[in-house]
Amino acid sequence: MHTSLRRALAAAVVLAALVLTAGAAQAAVPEKAAISVTNTQDQRVAYCTLLIDGRAQSKLAIRPGKTWSDAFDPRREILLVCDRATSLRFGPLKAGTRYRLVESEGAKIQLTEDGPS
């Protein structure tokens, strides 16, 4: 066999392996699932910061009776840090789950799981 033919066959085998690996990697990525947080307080806006993998992603102002929702990769660590909260941080939140911010003793708020979304 000629050297150039061997090189061409080797390149074809490497290319086929790369295509198969890329296809398997795309199939392994899980679908994003929604996380929703409803503010059940009567009069207070809930001011929170959304953390994804330890980094501040966005600031939220969830009005009374309103719901914030977004979809996330379930492999990410999602935390919620809120003003006047009973805990330093809430989470990790589970993708595909609904949560409620409820008023607790001392005009503080806490996060409760409401079930799958």
Protein backbone atom coordinates (compact mmCIF):
# COMPACT_ATOMS: atom_id res chain seq x y z
CA MET A 1 0.00 0.00 0.00
CA HIS A 2 1.25 3.45 -0.84
CA THR A 3 2.16 5.86 1.93
CA SER A 4 -0.32 8.48 0.69
CA LEU A 5 -3.14 5.91 0.68
CA ARG A 6 -2.29 4.86 4.25
CA ARG A 7 -2.33 8.49 5.36
CA ALA A 8 -5.68 9.08 3.65
CA LEU A 9 -7.19 6.00 5.36
CA ALA A 10 -5.78 7.04 8.74
CA ALA A 11 -7.21 10.54 8.31
CA ALA A 12 -10.62 9.08 7.39
CA VAL A 13 -10.60 6.87 10.51
CA VAL A 14 -9.69 9.83 12.75
CA LEU A 15 -12.40 11.98 11.14
CA ALA A 16 -15.01 9.25 11.63
CA ALA A 17 -14.02 8.91 15.30
CA LEU A 18 -14.34 12.67 15.81
CA VAL A 19 -17.80 12.72 14.23
CA LEU A 20 -18.97 9.82 16.43
CA THR A 21 -17.55 11.47 19.56
CA ALA A 22 -19.24 14.79 18.76
CA GLY A 23 -22.58 13.05 18.19
CA ALA A 24 -22.31 11.20 21.52
CA ALA A 25 -21.43 14.43 23.34
CA GLN A 26 -24.51 16.18 21.94
CA ALA A 27 -26.73 13.28 22.96
CA ALA A 28 -25.35 13.38 26.53
CA VAL A 29 -26.34 17.03 27.18
CA PRO A 30 -29.53 17.03 29.29
CA GLU A 31 -32.44 19.30 28.43
CA LYS A 32 -32.91 22.51 30.34
CA ALA A 33 -35.72 22.47 32.89
CA ALA A 34 -37.61 25.39 34.42
CA ILE A 35 -37.19 26.69 37.94
CA SER A 36 -39.95 28.99 39.13
CA VAL A 37 -40.18 31.08 42.30
CA THR A 38 -43.47 32.67 43.40
CA ASN A 39 -43.59 35.48 45.95
CA THR A 40 -46.59 34.65 48.18
CA GLN A 41 -46.15 37.67 50.46
CA ASP A 42 -49.03 40.18 50.56
CA GLN A 43 -47.14 43.46 50.35
CA ARG A 44 -43.37 43.05 50.10
CA VAL A 45 -41.23 42.76 47.01
CA ALA A 46 -38.66 39.95 47.32
CA TYR A 47 -35.19 41.18 46.31
CA CYS A 48 -32.93 38.25 45.42
CA THR A 49 -29.72 37.50 43.54
CA LEU A 50 -29.50 34.42 41.34
CA LEU A 51 -26.18 32.55 41.56
CA ILE A 52 -25.16 30.00 38.94
CA ASP A 53 -22.12 27.90 39.80
CA GLY A 54 -21.14 30.42 42.48
CA ARG A 55 -21.35 33.51 40.24
CA ALA A 56 -24.00 36.23 40.39
CA GLN A 57 -26.12 35.88 37.26
CA SER A 58 -28.89 38.42 37.80
CA LYS A 59 -30.79 40.45 40.37
CA LEU A 60 -34.48 39.69 40.81
CA ALA A 61 -37.30 41.82 42.20
CA ILE A 62 -40.27 39.48 42.51
CA ARG A 63 -43.43 41.46 43.26
CA PRO A 64 -46.15 40.11 45.60
CA GLY A 65 -48.19 37.41 43.91
CA LYS A 66 -45.86 37.25 40.89
CA THR A 67 -43.68 34.39 39.67
CA TRP A 68 -40.17 34.47 38.20
CA SER A 69 -39.19 31.52 36.00
CA ASP A 70 -36.28 30.49 33.77
CA ALA A 71 -34.84 27.25 32.35
CA PHE A 72 -31.49 25.85 33.46
CA ASP A 73 -29.15 22.97 32.74
CA PRO A 74 -29.74 20.52 35.62
CA ARG A 75 -25.97 20.02 35.99
CA ARG A 76 -25.53 23.63 37.19
CA GLU A 77 -25.62 24.68 40.84
CA ILE A 78 -28.43 27.24 41.17
CA LEU A 79 -28.66 29.26 44.40
CA LEU A 80 -30.87 32.13 45.47
CA VAL A 81 -29.69 34.82 47.92
CA CYS A 82 -32.51 37.05 49.17
CA ASP A 83 -32.79 40.13 51.40
CA ARG A 84 -34.53 39.50 54.75
CA ALA A 85 -34.15 35.73 54.31
CA THR A 86 -34.13 33.13 57.09
CA SER A 87 -31.04 31.55 55.50
CA LEU A 88 -27.88 32.99 53.96
CA ARG A 89 -28.75 31.25 50.71
CA PHE A 90 -31.44 28.97 49.34
CA GLY A 91 -30.44 25.95 47.31
CA PRO A 92 -29.15 24.30 45.41
CA LEU A 93 -32.44 24.64 43.55
CA LYS A 94 -33.54 21.66 41.45
CA ALA A 95 -34.27 22.21 37.77
CA GLY A 96 -37.87 21.31 36.96
CA THR A 97 -39.18 22.42 40.37
CA ARG A 98 -41.52 25.18 41.60
CA TYR A 99 -40.71 27.14 44.76
CA ARG A 100 -42.56 29.67 46.93
CA LEU A 101 -41.18 32.55 48.97
CA VAL A 102 -43.28 32.71 52.14
CA GLU A 103 -43.25 35.20 54.99
CA SER A 104 -42.02 33.85 58.30
CA GLU A 105 -41.61 35.18 61.81
CA GLY A 106 -39.96 38.59 62.14
CA ALA A 107 -40.90 39.78 58.62
CA LYS A 108 -38.33 37.42 57.10
CA ILE A 109 -38.86 35.17 54.10
CA GLN A 110 -38.11 31.52 53.52
CA LEU A 111 -38.17 29.33 50.43
CA THR A 112 -40.37 26.24 50.29
CA GLU A 113 -40.51 23.61 47.57
CA ASP A 114 -43.87 23.52 45.81
CA GLY A 115 -43.31 20.44 43.62
CA PRO A 116 -42.39 19.69 40.02
CA SER A 117 -43.11 22.34 37.42
